[in-house]
PDB file of N, CA and C in Angstrom:
ATOM      1  N   UNK A   1     -19.721  -5.475  33.078  1.00  0.00           N
ATOM      2  CA  UNK A   1     -19.964  -5.099  31.685  1.00  0.00           C
ATOM      3  C   UNK A   1     -19.287  -3.766  31.359  1.00  0.00           C
ATOM      4  N   UNK A   2     -19.397  -2.822  32.296  1.00  0.00           N
ATOM      5  CA  UNK A   2     -18.810  -1.505  32.074  1.00  0.00           C
ATOM      6  C   UNK A   2     -17.295  -1.591  31.939  1.00  0.00           C
ATOM      7  N   UNK A   3     -16.663  -2.422  32.784  1.00  0.00           N
ATOM      8  CA  UNK A   3     -15.212  -2.586  32.706  1.00  0.00           C
ATOM      9  C   UNK A   3     -14.807  -3.205  31.370  1.00  0.00           C
ATOM     10  N   UNK A   4     -15.578  -4.137  30.888  1.00  0.00           N
ATOM     11  CA  UNK A   4     -15.280  -4.765  29.600  1.00  0.00           C
ATOM     12  C   UNK A   4     -15.359  -3.739  28.479  1.00  0.00           C
ATOM     13  N   UNK A   5     -16.365  -2.870  28.539  1.00  0.00           N
ATOM     14  CA  UNK A   5     -16.504  -1.829  27.507  1.00  0.00           C
ATOM     15  C   UNK A   5     -15.346  -0.836  27.580  1.00  0.00           C
ATOM     16  N   UNK A   6     -14.939  -0.479  28.785  1.00  0.00           N
ATOM     17  CA  UNK A   6     -13.802   0.432  28.943  1.00  0.00           C
ATOM     18  C   UNK A   6     -12.536  -0.192  28.377  1.00  0.00           C
ATOM     19  N   UNK A   7     -12.350  -1.470  28.646  1.00  0.00           N
ATOM     20  CA  UNK A   7     -11.179  -2.177  28.127  1.00  0.00           C
ATOM     21  C   UNK A   7     -11.206  -2.234  26.608  1.00  0.00           C
ATOM     22  N   UNK A   8     -12.347  -2.523  26.050  1.00  0.00           N
ATOM     23  CA  UNK A   8     -12.475  -2.554  24.591  1.00  0.00           C
ATOM     24  C   UNK A   8     -12.217  -1.180  23.980  1.00  0.00           C
ATOM     25  N   UNK A   9     -12.720  -0.141  24.608  1.00  0.00           N
ATOM     26  CA  UNK A   9     -12.481   1.217  24.109  1.00  0.00           C
ATOM     27  C   UNK A   9     -11.004   1.575  24.184  1.00  0.00           C
ATOM     28  N   UNK A  10     -10.336   1.223  25.283  1.00  0.00           N
ATOM     29  CA  UNK A  10      -8.900   1.501  25.398  1.00  0.00           C
ATOM     30  C   UNK A  10      -8.110   0.727  24.351  1.00  0.00           C
ATOM     31  N   UNK A  11      -8.489  -0.518  24.112  1.00  0.00           N
ATOM     32  CA  UNK A  11      -7.818  -1.327  23.088  1.00  0.00           C
ATOM     33  C   UNK A  11      -8.021  -0.717  21.707  1.00  0.00           C
ATOM     34  N   UNK A  12      -9.247  -0.304  21.407  1.00  0.00           N
ATOM     35  CA  UNK A  12      -9.535   0.326  20.126  1.00  0.00           C
ATOM     36  C   UNK A  12      -8.729   1.608  19.950  1.00  0.00           C
ATOM     37  N   UNK A  13      -8.665   2.417  21.005  1.00  0.00           N
ATOM     38  CA  UNK A  13      -7.893   3.668  20.951  1.00  0.00           C
ATOM     39  C   UNK A  13      -6.414   3.387  20.733  1.00  0.00           C
ATOM     40  N   UNK A  14      -5.898   2.373  21.406  1.00  0.00           N
ATOM     41  CA  UNK A  14      -4.487   2.012  21.248  1.00  0.00           C
ATOM     42  C   UNK A  14      -4.201   1.564  19.816  1.00  0.00           C
ATOM     43  N   UNK A  15      -5.057   0.731  19.271  1.00  0.00           N
ATOM     44  CA  UNK A  15      -4.857   0.247  17.900  1.00  0.00           C
ATOM     45  C   UNK A  15      -4.949   1.391  16.898  1.00  0.00           C
ATOM     46  N   UNK A  16      -5.871   2.315  17.112  1.00  0.00           N
ATOM     47  CA  UNK A  16      -6.002   3.469  16.218  1.00  0.00           C
ATOM     48  C   UNK A  16      -4.759   4.349  16.297  1.00  0.00           C
ATOM     49  N   UNK A  17      -4.244   4.560  17.508  1.00  0.00           N
ATOM     50  CA  UNK A  17      -3.033   5.367  17.668  1.00  0.00           C
ATOM     51  C   UNK A  17      -1.844   4.687  16.989  1.00  0.00           C
ATOM     52  N   UNK A  18      -1.744   3.370  17.139  1.00  0.00           N
ATOM     53  CA  UNK A  18      -0.660   2.617  16.494  1.00  0.00           C
ATOM     54  C   UNK A  18      -0.759   2.740  14.975  1.00  0.00           C
ATOM     55  N   UNK A  19      -1.945   2.674  14.445  1.00  0.00           N
ATOM     56  CA  UNK A  19      -2.149   2.802  13.000  1.00  0.00           C
ATOM     57  C   UNK A  19      -1.758   4.199  12.522  1.00  0.00           C
ATOM     58  N   UNK A  20      -2.127   5.230  13.286  1.00  0.00           N
ATOM     59  CA  UNK A  20      -1.762   6.598  12.913  1.00  0.00           C
ATOM     60  C   UNK A  20      -0.259   6.795  12.936  1.00  0.00           C
ATOM     61  N   UNK A  21       0.417   6.209  13.931  1.00  0.00           N
ATOM     62  CA  UNK A  21       1.877   6.328  14.011  1.00  0.00           C
ATOM     63  C   UNK A  21       2.529   5.646  12.821  1.00  0.00           C
ATOM     64  N   UNK A  22       2.039   4.480  12.447  1.00  0.00           N
ATOM     65  CA  UNK A  22       2.570   3.772  11.288  1.00  0.00           C
ATOM     66  C   UNK A  22       2.306   4.563  10.019  1.00  0.00           C
ATOM     67  N   UNK A  23       1.110   5.137   9.921  1.00  0.00           N
ATOM     68  CA  UNK A  23       0.735   5.878   8.721  1.00  0.00           C
ATOM     69  C   UNK A  23       1.558   7.131   8.538  1.00  0.00           C
ATOM     70  N   UNK A  24       2.020   7.718   9.639  1.00  0.00           N
ATOM     71  CA  UNK A  24       2.753   8.963   9.519  1.00  0.00           C
ATOM     72  C   UNK A  24       4.264   8.752   9.487  1.00  0.00           C
ATOM     73  N   UNK A  25       4.718   7.521   9.529  1.00  0.00           N
ATOM     74  CA  UNK A  25       6.148   7.250   9.488  1.00  0.00           C
ATOM     75  C   UNK A  25       6.690   7.646   8.124  1.00  0.00           C
ATOM     76  N   UNK A  26       7.691   8.532   8.113  1.00  0.00           N
ATOM     77  CA  UNK A  26       8.243   8.934   6.815  1.00  0.00           C
ATOM     78  C   UNK A  26       9.062   7.809   6.185  1.00  0.00           C
ATOM     79  N   UNK A  27       9.058   7.768   4.881  1.00  0.00           N
ATOM     80  CA  UNK A  27       9.845   6.778   4.154  1.00  0.00           C
ATOM     81  C   UNK A  27      11.211   7.405   3.855  1.00  0.00           C
ATOM     82  N   UNK A  28      12.249   6.611   4.012  1.00  0.00           N
ATOM     83  CA  UNK A  28      13.580   7.137   3.723  1.00  0.00           C
ATOM     84  C   UNK A  28      13.747   7.301   2.214  1.00  0.00           C
ATOM     85  N   UNK A  29      14.676   8.156   1.835  1.00  0.00           N
ATOM     86  CA  UNK A  29      14.942   8.384   0.410  1.00  0.00           C
ATOM     87  C   UNK A  29      15.378   7.094  -0.261  1.00  0.00           C
ATOM     88  N   UNK A  30      16.236   6.327   0.411  1.00  0.00           N
ATOM     89  CA  UNK A  30      16.697   5.057  -0.162  1.00  0.00           C
ATOM     90  C   UNK A  30      15.544   4.088  -0.376  1.00  0.00           C
ATOM     91  N   UNK A  31      14.640   3.996   0.610  1.00  0.00           N
ATOM     92  CA  UNK A  31      13.473   3.120   0.460  1.00  0.00           C
ATOM     93  C   UNK A  31      12.571   3.604  -0.675  1.00  0.00           C
ATOM     94  N   UNK A  32      12.397   4.917  -0.784  1.00  0.00           N
ATOM     95  CA  UNK A  32      11.559   5.466  -1.855  1.00  0.00           C
ATOM     96  C   UNK A  32      12.123   5.094  -3.214  1.00  0.00           C
ATOM     97  N   UNK A  33      13.432   5.262  -3.381  1.00  0.00           N
ATOM     98  CA  UNK A  33      14.047   4.895  -4.664  1.00  0.00           C
ATOM     99  C   UNK A  33      13.922   3.393  -4.920  1.00  0.00           C
ATOM    100  N   UNK A  34      14.106   2.586  -3.895  1.00  0.00           N
ATOM    101  CA  UNK A  34      13.998   1.129  -4.062  1.00  0.00           C
ATOM    102  C   UNK A  34      12.581   0.723  -4.454  1.00  0.00           C
ATOM    103  N   UNK A  35      11.601   1.338  -3.831  1.00  0.00           N
ATOM    104  CA  UNK A  35      10.199   1.028  -4.132  1.00  0.00           C
ATOM    105  C   UNK A  35       9.855   1.432  -5.560  1.00  0.00           C
ATOM    106  N   UNK A  36      10.326   2.594  -5.971  1.00  0.00           N
ATOM    107  CA  UNK A  36       9.977   3.121  -7.296  1.00  0.00           C
ATOM    108  C   UNK A  36      10.845   2.577  -8.422  1.00  0.00           C
ATOM    109  N   UNK A  37      11.838   1.775  -8.104  1.00  0.00           N
ATOM    110  CA  UNK A  37      12.772   1.277  -9.117  1.00  0.00           C
ATOM    111  C   UNK A  37      12.138   0.271 -10.070  1.00  0.00           C
ATOM    112  N   UNK A  38      11.030  -0.337  -9.675  1.00  0.00           N
ATOM    113  CA  UNK A  38      10.415  -1.388 -10.481  1.00  0.00           C
ATOM    114  C   UNK A  38       9.164  -0.853 -11.181  1.00  0.00           C
ATOM    115  N   UNK A  39       9.102  -1.035 -12.498  1.00  0.00           N
ATOM    116  CA  UNK A  39       7.977  -0.501 -13.273  1.00  0.00           C
ATOM    117  C   UNK A  39       6.642  -1.117 -12.864  1.00  0.00           C
ATOM    118  N   UNK A  40       6.608  -2.428 -12.658  1.00  0.00           N
ATOM    119  CA  UNK A  40       5.347  -3.063 -12.271  1.00  0.00           C
ATOM    120  C   UNK A  40       4.891  -2.519 -10.915  1.00  0.00           C
ATOM    121  N   UNK A  41       5.828  -2.299  -9.992  1.00  0.00           N
ATOM    122  CA  UNK A  41       5.467  -1.758  -8.685  1.00  0.00           C
ATOM    123  C   UNK A  41       4.928  -0.337  -8.824  1.00  0.00           C
ATOM    124  N   UNK A  42       5.506   0.455  -9.721  1.00  0.00           N
ATOM    125  CA  UNK A  42       4.979   1.807  -9.955  1.00  0.00           C
ATOM    126  C   UNK A  42       3.549   1.736 -10.479  1.00  0.00           C
ATOM    127  N   UNK A  43       3.268   0.776 -11.350  1.00  0.00           N
ATOM    128  CA  UNK A  43       1.901   0.605 -11.859  1.00  0.00           C
ATOM    129  C   UNK A  43       0.946   0.215 -10.728  1.00  0.00           C
ATOM    130  N   UNK A  44       1.423  -0.640  -9.836  1.00  0.00           N
ATOM    131  CA  UNK A  44       0.609  -1.058  -8.689  1.00  0.00           C
ATOM    132  C   UNK A  44       0.340   0.136  -7.783  1.00  0.00           C
ATOM    133  N   UNK A  45       1.371   0.929  -7.520  1.00  0.00           N
ATOM    134  CA  UNK A  45       1.217   2.110  -6.667  1.00  0.00           C
ATOM    135  C   UNK A  45       0.185   3.064  -7.270  1.00  0.00           C
ATOM    136  N   UNK A  46       0.300   3.316  -8.551  1.00  0.00           N
ATOM    137  CA  UNK A  46      -0.656   4.218  -9.202  1.00  0.00           C
ATOM    138  C   UNK A  46      -2.079   3.680  -9.075  1.00  0.00           C
ATOM    139  N   UNK A  47      -2.244   2.371  -9.289  1.00  0.00           N
ATOM    140  CA  UNK A  47      -3.571   1.777  -9.162  1.00  0.00           C
ATOM    141  C   UNK A  47      -4.099   1.919  -7.733  1.00  0.00           C
ATOM    142  N   UNK A  48      -3.248   1.620  -6.752  1.00  0.00           N
ATOM    143  CA  UNK A  48      -3.682   1.694  -5.358  1.00  0.00           C
ATOM    144  C   UNK A  48      -4.093   3.107  -4.971  1.00  0.00           C
ATOM    145  N   UNK A  49      -3.300   4.087  -5.372  1.00  0.00           N
ATOM    146  CA  UNK A  49      -3.593   5.470  -5.005  1.00  0.00           C
ATOM    147  C   UNK A  49      -4.875   5.958  -5.687  1.00  0.00           C
ATOM    148  N   UNK A  50      -5.034   5.652  -6.945  1.00  0.00           N
ATOM    149  CA  UNK A  50      -6.208   6.150  -7.670  1.00  0.00           C
ATOM    150  C   UNK A  50      -7.488   5.407  -7.302  1.00  0.00           C
ATOM    151  N   UNK A  51      -7.367   4.246  -6.684  1.00  0.00           N
ATOM    152  CA  UNK A  51      -8.550   3.464  -6.308  1.00  0.00           C
ATOM    153  C   UNK A  51      -8.726   3.350  -4.800  1.00  0.00           C
ATOM    154  N   UNK A  52      -8.011   4.176  -4.043  1.00  0.00           N
ATOM    155  CA  UNK A  52      -8.080   4.131  -2.591  1.00  0.00           C
ATOM    156  C   UNK A  52      -9.380   4.753  -2.094  1.00  0.00           C
ATOM    157  N   UNK A  53     -10.178   3.938  -1.431  1.00  0.00           N
ATOM    158  CA  UNK A  53     -11.424   4.419  -0.829  1.00  0.00           C
ATOM    159  C   UNK A  53     -11.366   4.336   0.688  1.00  0.00           C
ATOM    160  N   UNK A  54     -10.221   3.884   1.202  1.00  0.00           N
ATOM    161  CA  UNK A  54     -10.098   3.663   2.640  1.00  0.00           C
ATOM    162  C   UNK A  54     -10.372   2.228   3.027  1.00  0.00           C
ATOM    163  N   UNK A  55     -10.859   1.444   2.082  1.00  0.00           N
ATOM    164  CA  UNK A  55     -11.113   0.023   2.310  1.00  0.00           C
ATOM    165  C   UNK A  55      -9.995  -0.796   1.685  1.00  0.00           C
ATOM    166  N   UNK A  56      -9.784  -2.023   2.176  1.00  0.00           N
ATOM    167  CA  UNK A  56      -8.760  -2.880   1.565  1.00  0.00           C
ATOM    168  C   UNK A  56      -9.047  -3.138   0.088  1.00  0.00           C
ATOM    169  N   UNK A  57      -7.978  -3.243  -0.673  1.00  0.00           N
ATOM    170  CA  UNK A  57      -8.066  -3.547  -2.106  1.00  0.00           C
ATOM    171  C   UNK A  57      -7.514  -4.943  -2.314  1.00  0.00           C
ATOM    172  N   UNK A  58      -8.284  -5.788  -2.970  1.00  0.00           N
ATOM    173  CA  UNK A  58      -7.862  -7.168  -3.191  1.00  0.00           C
ATOM    174  C   UNK A  58      -6.771  -7.241  -4.248  1.00  0.00           C
ATOM    175  N   UNK A  59      -5.838  -8.157  -4.043  1.00  0.00           N
ATOM    176  CA  UNK A  59      -4.737  -8.339  -4.986  1.00  0.00           C
ATOM    177  C   UNK A  59      -5.277  -8.723  -6.361  1.00  0.00           C
ATOM    178  N   UNK A  60      -6.355  -9.460  -6.399  1.00  0.00           N
ATOM    179  CA  UNK A  60      -6.894  -9.852  -7.713  1.00  0.00           C
ATOM    180  C   UNK A  60      -7.341  -8.640  -8.522  1.00  0.00           C
ATOM    181  N   UNK A  61      -7.791  -7.579  -7.857  1.00  0.00           N
ATOM    182  CA  UNK A  61      -8.156  -6.343  -8.571  1.00  0.00           C
ATOM    183  C   UNK A  61      -6.905  -5.668  -9.122  1.00  0.00           C
ATOM    184  N   UNK A  62      -5.836  -5.695  -8.346  1.00  0.00           N
ATOM    185  CA  UNK A  62      -4.559  -5.135  -8.807  1.00  0.00           C
ATOM    186  C   UNK A  62      -4.081  -5.899 -10.031  1.00  0.00           C
ATOM    187  N   UNK A  63      -4.150  -7.218  -9.950  1.00  0.00           N
ATOM    188  CA  UNK A  63      -3.698  -8.066 -11.054  1.00  0.00           C
ATOM    189  C   UNK A  63      -4.564  -7.832 -12.290  1.00  0.00           C
ATOM    190  N   UNK A  64      -5.862  -7.692 -12.118  1.00  0.00           N
ATOM    191  CA  UNK A  64      -6.749  -7.431 -13.257  1.00  0.00           C
ATOM    192  C   UNK A  64      -6.338  -6.131 -13.948  1.00  0.00           C
ATOM    193  N   UNK A  65      -5.948  -5.136 -13.173  1.00  0.00           N
ATOM    194  CA  UNK A  65      -5.482  -3.878 -13.757  1.00  0.00           C
ATOM    195  C   UNK A  65      -4.203  -4.102 -14.555  1.00  0.00           C
ATOM    196  N   UNK A  66      -3.268  -4.860 -14.002  1.00  0.00           N
ATOM    197  CA  UNK A  66      -2.009  -5.122 -14.703  1.00  0.00           C
ATOM    198  C   UNK A  66      -2.256  -5.890 -16.003  1.00  0.00           C
ATOM    199  N   UNK A  67      -3.206  -6.801 -15.983  1.00  0.00           N
ATOM    200  CA  UNK A  67      -3.549  -7.560 -17.190  1.00  0.00           C
ATOM    201  C   UNK A  67      -4.137  -6.620 -18.246  1.00  0.00           C
ATOM    202  N   UNK A  68      -4.959  -5.659 -17.807  1.00  0.00           N
ATOM    203  CA  UNK A  68      -5.497  -4.661 -18.741  1.00  0.00           C
ATOM    204  C   UNK A  68      -4.383  -3.858 -19.406  1.00  0.00           C
ATOM    205  N   UNK A  69      -3.269  -3.703 -18.693  1.00  0.00           N
ATOM    206  CA  UNK A  69      -2.128  -2.976 -19.242  1.00  0.00           C
ATOM    207  C   UNK A  69      -1.233  -3.856 -20.113  1.00  0.00           C
ATOM    208  N   UNK A  70      -1.634  -5.120 -20.289  1.00  0.00           N
ATOM    209  CA  UNK A  70      -0.921  -6.010 -21.191  1.00  0.00           C
ATOM    210  C   UNK A  70       0.032  -6.990 -20.529  1.00  0.00           C
ATOM    211  N   UNK A  71      -0.019  -7.084 -19.205  1.00  0.00           N
ATOM    212  CA  UNK A  71       0.883  -8.002 -18.521  1.00  0.00           C
ATOM    213  C   UNK A  71       0.282  -9.403 -18.439  1.00  0.00           C
ATOM    214  N   UNK A  72       1.147 -10.383 -18.297  1.00  0.00           N
ATOM    215  CA  UNK A  72       0.737 -11.775 -18.135  1.00  0.00           C
ATOM    216  C   UNK A  72       0.113 -11.965 -16.752  1.00  0.00           C
ATOM    217  N   UNK A  73      -1.063 -12.567 -16.708  1.00  0.00           N
ATOM    218  CA  UNK A  73      -1.795 -12.734 -15.445  1.00  0.00           C
ATOM    219  C   UNK A  73      -0.995 -13.510 -14.407  1.00  0.00           C
ATOM    220  N   UNK A  74      -0.426 -14.639 -14.782  1.00  0.00           N
ATOM    221  CA  UNK A  74       0.279 -15.469 -13.806  1.00  0.00           C
ATOM    222  C   UNK A  74       1.516 -14.767 -13.252  1.00  0.00           C
ATOM    223  N   UNK A  75       2.268 -14.115 -14.116  1.00  0.00           N
ATOM    224  CA  UNK A  75       3.470 -13.404 -13.669  1.00  0.00           C
ATOM    225  C   UNK A  75       3.094 -12.231 -12.775  1.00  0.00           C
ATOM    226  N   UNK A  76       2.048 -11.507 -13.152  1.00  0.00           N
ATOM    227  CA  UNK A  76       1.607 -10.357 -12.361  1.00  0.00           C
ATOM    228  C   UNK A  76       1.108 -10.807 -10.990  1.00  0.00           C
ATOM    229  N   UNK A  77       0.356 -11.898 -10.953  1.00  0.00           N
ATOM    230  CA  UNK A  77      -0.183 -12.402  -9.690  1.00  0.00           C
ATOM    231  C   UNK A  77       0.935 -12.867  -8.764  1.00  0.00           C
ATOM    232  N   UNK A  78       1.840 -13.649  -9.300  1.00  0.00           N
ATOM    233  CA  UNK A  78       2.945 -14.171  -8.477  1.00  0.00           C
ATOM    234  C   UNK A  78       3.814 -13.038  -7.940  1.00  0.00           C
ATOM    235  N   UNK A  79       4.146 -12.084  -8.782  1.00  0.00           N
ATOM    236  CA  UNK A  79       5.021 -11.006  -8.321  1.00  0.00           C
ATOM    237  C   UNK A  79       4.301 -10.077  -7.342  1.00  0.00           C
ATOM    238  N   UNK A  80       3.009  -9.864  -7.543  1.00  0.00           N
ATOM    239  CA  UNK A  80       2.258  -9.018  -6.610  1.00  0.00           C
ATOM    240  C   UNK A  80       2.227  -9.660  -5.222  1.00  0.00           C
ATOM    241  N   UNK A  81       1.964 -10.956  -5.172  1.00  0.00           N
ATOM    242  CA  UNK A  81       1.876 -11.652  -3.890  1.00  0.00           C
ATOM    243  C   UNK A  81       3.229 -11.838  -3.221  1.00  0.00           C
ATOM    244  N   UNK A  82       4.230 -12.185  -4.008  1.00  0.00           N
ATOM    245  CA  UNK A  82       5.516 -12.577  -3.432  1.00  0.00           C
ATOM    246  C   UNK A  82       6.508 -11.435  -3.303  1.00  0.00           C
ATOM    247  N   UNK A  83       6.339 -10.382  -4.072  1.00  0.00           N
ATOM    248  CA  UNK A  83       7.339  -9.334  -4.084  1.00  0.00           C
ATOM    249  C   UNK A  83       6.772  -7.947  -3.794  1.00  0.00           C
ATOM    250  N   UNK A  84       5.881  -7.484  -4.643  1.00  0.00           N
ATOM    251  CA  UNK A  84       5.483  -6.080  -4.605  1.00  0.00           C
ATOM    252  C   UNK A  84       4.664  -5.690  -3.372  1.00  0.00           C
ATOM    253  N   UNK A  85       3.635  -6.440  -3.049  1.00  0.00           N
ATOM    254  CA  UNK A  85       2.836  -6.107  -1.862  1.00  0.00           C
ATOM    255  C   UNK A  85       3.652  -6.236  -0.580  1.00  0.00           C
ATOM    256  N   UNK A  86       4.441  -7.299  -0.418  1.00  0.00           N
ATOM    257  CA  UNK A  86       5.298  -7.360   0.773  1.00  0.00           C
ATOM    258  C   UNK A  86       6.310  -6.213   0.845  1.00  0.00           C
ATOM    259  N   UNK A  87       6.873  -5.797  -0.289  1.00  0.00           N
ATOM    260  CA  UNK A  87       7.830  -4.690  -0.303  1.00  0.00           C
ATOM    261  C   UNK A  87       7.156  -3.393   0.112  1.00  0.00           C
ATOM    262  N   UNK A  88       5.964  -3.143  -0.376  1.00  0.00           N
ATOM    263  CA  UNK A  88       5.228  -1.937   0.006  1.00  0.00           C
ATOM    264  C   UNK A  88       4.887  -1.952   1.499  1.00  0.00           C
ATOM    265  N   UNK A  89       4.560  -3.123   2.027  1.00  0.00           N
ATOM    266  CA  UNK A  89       4.270  -3.243   3.458  1.00  0.00           C
ATOM    267  C   UNK A  89       5.538  -3.059   4.288  1.00  0.00           C
ATOM    268  N   UNK A  90       6.627  -3.636   3.835  1.00  0.00           N
ATOM    269  CA  UNK A  90       7.910  -3.501   4.532  1.00  0.00           C
ATOM    270  C   UNK A  90       8.336  -2.036   4.612  1.00  0.00           C
ATOM    271  N   UNK A  91       8.032  -1.280   3.597  1.00  0.00           N
ATOM    272  CA  UNK A  91       8.366   0.142   3.555  1.00  0.00           C
ATOM    273  C   UNK A  91       7.312   1.006   4.250  1.00  0.00           C
ATOM    274  N   UNK A  92       6.326   0.371   4.880  1.00  0.00           N
ATOM    275  CA  UNK A  92       5.253   1.023   5.625  1.00  0.00           C
ATOM    276  C   UNK A  92       4.428   1.977   4.763  1.00  0.00           C
ATOM    277  N   UNK A  93       4.192   1.545   3.530  1.00  0.00           N
ATOM    278  CA  UNK A  93       3.358   2.309   2.604  1.00  0.00           C
ATOM    279  C   UNK A  93       1.947   1.744   2.528  1.00  0.00           C
ATOM    280  N   UNK A  94       1.806   0.463   2.844  1.00  0.00           N
ATOM    281  CA  UNK A  94       0.515  -0.208   2.880  1.00  0.00           C
ATOM    282  C   UNK A  94       0.522  -1.201   4.031  1.00  0.00           C
ATOM    283  N   UNK A  95      -0.672  -1.633   4.388  1.00  0.00           N
ATOM    284  CA  UNK A  95      -0.809  -2.805   5.247  1.00  0.00           C
ATOM    285  C   UNK A  95      -1.207  -3.932   4.309  1.00  0.00           C
ATOM    286  N   UNK A  96      -0.484  -5.041   4.382  1.00  0.00           N
ATOM    287  CA  UNK A  96      -0.751  -6.157   3.474  1.00  0.00           C
ATOM    288  C   UNK A  96      -1.097  -7.379   4.297  1.00  0.00           C
ATOM    289  N   UNK A  97      -2.241  -7.968   4.005  1.00  0.00           N
ATOM    290  CA  UNK A  97      -2.682  -9.185   4.666  1.00  0.00           C
ATOM    291  C   UNK A  97      -2.554 -10.327   3.664  1.00  0.00           C
ATOM    292  N   UNK A  98      -1.517 -11.138   3.840  1.00  0.00           N
ATOM    293  CA  UNK A  98      -1.274 -12.253   2.935  1.00  0.00           C
ATOM    294  C   UNK A  98      -2.364 -13.309   2.962  1.00  0.00           C
ATOM    295  N   UNK A  99      -3.062 -13.432   4.084  1.00  0.00           N
ATOM    296  CA  UNK A  99      -4.145 -14.421   4.177  1.00  0.00           C
ATOM    297  C   UNK A  99      -5.321 -14.037   3.307  1.00  0.00           C
ATOM    298  N   UNK A 100      -5.759 -12.803   3.460  1.00  0.00           N
ATOM    299  CA  UNK A 100      -6.926 -12.364   2.689  1.00  0.00           C
ATOM    300  C   UNK A 100      -6.527 -11.824   1.323  1.00  0.00           C
ATOM    301  N   UNK A 101      -5.195 -11.698   1.118  1.00  0.00           N
ATOM    302  CA  UNK A 101      -4.661 -11.168  -0.142  1.00  0.00           C
ATOM    303  C   UNK A 101      -5.278  -9.802  -0.434  1.00  0.00           C
ATOM    304  N   UNK A 102      -5.137  -8.910   0.552  1.00  0.00           N
ATOM    305  CA  UNK A 102      -5.688  -7.569   0.427  1.00  0.00           C
ATOM    306  C   UNK A 102      -4.681  -6.546   0.944  1.00  0.00           C
ATOM    307  N   UNK A 103      -4.779  -5.348   0.382  1.00  0.00           N
ATOM    308  CA  UNK A 103      -3.871  -4.260   0.692  1.00  0.00           C
ATOM    309  C   UNK A 103      -4.687  -3.069   1.186  1.00  0.00           C
ATOM    310  N   UNK A 104      -4.234  -2.462   2.277  1.00  0.00           N
ATOM    311  CA  UNK A 104      -4.837  -1.234   2.774  1.00  0.00           C
ATOM    312  C   UNK A 104      -3.822  -0.119   2.570  1.00  0.00           C
ATOM    313  N   UNK A 105      -4.203   0.883   1.813  1.00  0.00           N
ATOM    314  CA  UNK A 105      -3.313   1.992   1.481  1.00  0.00           C
ATOM    315  C   UNK A 105      -3.146   2.897   2.692  1.00  0.00           C
ATOM    316  N   UNK A 106      -1.900   3.264   2.984  1.00  0.00           N
ATOM    317  CA  UNK A 106      -1.600   4.216   4.054  1.00  0.00           C
ATOM    318  C   UNK A 106      -1.306   5.587   3.448  1.00  0.00           C
ATOM    319  N   UNK A 107      -1.463   6.646   4.223  1.00  0.00           N
ATOM    320  CA  UNK A 107      -1.202   8.000   3.704  1.00  0.00           C
ATOM    321  C   UNK A 107       0.211   8.169   3.137  1.00  0.00           C
ATOM    322  N   UNK A 108       1.164   7.437   3.663  1.00  0.00           N
ATOM    323  CA  UNK A 108       2.543   7.555   3.171  1.00  0.00           C
ATOM    324  C   UNK A 108       2.653   7.140   1.705  1.00  0.00           C
ATOM    325  N   UNK A 109       1.804   6.229   1.233  1.00  0.00           N
ATOM    326  CA  UNK A 109       1.832   5.840  -0.177  1.00  0.00           C
ATOM    327  C   UNK A 109       1.368   7.004  -1.049  1.00  0.00           C
ATOM    328  N   UNK A 110       0.366   7.725  -0.585  1.00  0.00           N
ATOM    329  CA  UNK A 110      -0.095   8.906  -1.323  1.00  0.00           C
ATOM    330  C   UNK A 110       1.018   9.946  -1.409  1.00  0.00           C
ATOM    331  N   UNK A 111       1.739  10.159  -0.310  1.00  0.00           N
ATOM    332  CA  UNK A 111       2.835  11.137  -0.321  1.00  0.00           C
ATOM    333  C   UNK A 111       3.928  10.716  -1.294  1.00  0.00           C
ATOM    334  N   UNK A 112       4.276   9.436  -1.285  1.00  0.00           N
ATOM    335  CA  UNK A 112       5.301   8.935  -2.209  1.00  0.00           C
ATOM    336  C   UNK A 112       4.837   9.099  -3.650  1.00  0.00           C
ATOM    337  N   UNK A 113       3.596   8.738  -3.929  1.00  0.00           N
ATOM    338  CA  UNK A 113       3.070   8.848  -5.287  1.00  0.00           C
ATOM    339  C   UNK A 113       3.046  10.304  -5.754  1.00  0.00           C
ATOM    340  N   UNK A 114       2.611  11.203  -4.871  1.00  0.00           N
ATOM    341  CA  UNK A 114       2.563  12.624  -5.231  1.00  0.00           C
ATOM    342  C   UNK A 114       3.958  13.155  -5.545  1.00  0.00           C
ATOM    343  N   UNK A 115       4.945  12.761  -4.746  1.00  0.00           N
ATOM    344  CA  UNK A 115       6.329  13.198  -4.992  1.00  0.00           C
ATOM    345  C   UNK A 115       6.843  12.640  -6.308  1.00  0.00           C
ATOM    346  N   UNK A 116       6.568  11.370  -6.567  1.00  0.00           N
ATOM    347  CA  UNK A 116       6.999  10.734  -7.811  1.00  0.00           C
ATOM    348  C   UNK A 116       6.312  11.392  -9.009  1.00  0.00           C
ATOM    349  N   UNK A 117       5.015  11.639  -8.871  1.00  0.00           N
ATOM    350  CA  UNK A 117       4.254  12.258  -9.948  1.00  0.00           C
ATOM    351  C   UNK A 117       4.773  13.667 -10.249  1.00  0.00           C
ATOM    352  N   UNK A 118       5.080  14.420  -9.216  1.00  0.00           N
ATOM    353  CA  UNK A 118       5.613  15.766  -9.412  1.00  0.00           C
ATOM    354  C   UNK A 118       6.986  15.714 -10.091  1.00  0.00           C
ATOM    355  N   UNK A 119       7.798  14.776  -9.678  1.00  0.00           N
ATOM    356  CA  UNK A 119       9.139  14.648 -10.256  1.00  0.00           C
ATOM    357  C   UNK A 119       9.069  14.248 -11.727  1.00  0.00           C
ATOM    358  N   UNK A 120       8.265  13.242 -12.039  1.00  0.00           N
ATOM    359  CA  UNK A 120       8.183  12.787 -13.425  1.00  0.00           C
ATOM    360  C   UNK A 120       7.508  13.838 -14.299  1.00  0.00           C
ATOM    361  N   UNK A 121       6.601  14.621 -13.712  1.00  0.00           N
ATOM    362  CA  UNK A 121       5.969  15.718 -14.453  1.00  0.00           C
ATOM    363  C   UNK A 121       6.975  16.796 -14.850  1.00  0.00           C
ATOM    364  N   UNK A 122       7.967  17.000 -14.012  1.00  0.00           N
ATOM    365  CA  UNK A 122       9.011  17.998 -14.310  1.00  0.00           C
ATOM    366  C   UNK A 122       9.940  17.527 -15.415  1.00  0.00           C
ATOM    367  N   UNK A 123      10.014  16.213 -15.619  1.00  0.00           N
ATOM    368  CA  UNK A 123      10.911  15.679 -16.647  1.00  0.00           C
ATOM    369  C   UNK A 123      10.351  15.848 -18.048  1.00  0.00           C
ATOM    370  N   UNK A 124       9.072  16.097 -18.119  1.00  0.00           N
ATOM    371  CA  UNK A 124       8.525  16.403 -19.414  1.00  0.00           C
ATOM    372  C   UNK A 124       7.676  15.390 -20.001  1.00  0.00           C
TER     373      UNK A 124
END
């Protein structure tokens, strides 16, 4: 029993370390520009950052926010699932689980959003 607990603890520690390494991976300038190039994706990023509690956020909540902003539900849902969430995951800004249709915000998304917010604030 003790060996099993030690193994589980080592596995948990390894997974936590892997998550921290992924979370601290810097995003390249080119990836940042590519991610921010799409208006709907910027809206999704803002929603994710402002609603981040450390728990996964369901895609349907993201879509409901986009609909509140006047977007078509079907188009917003399809693009969130097929394009935007996978792109954010590919850029290591979120963890995206296509099965559960949920997104976990990583610290790198907050850094990108803060940089974007500071830049757009300077534009006036």
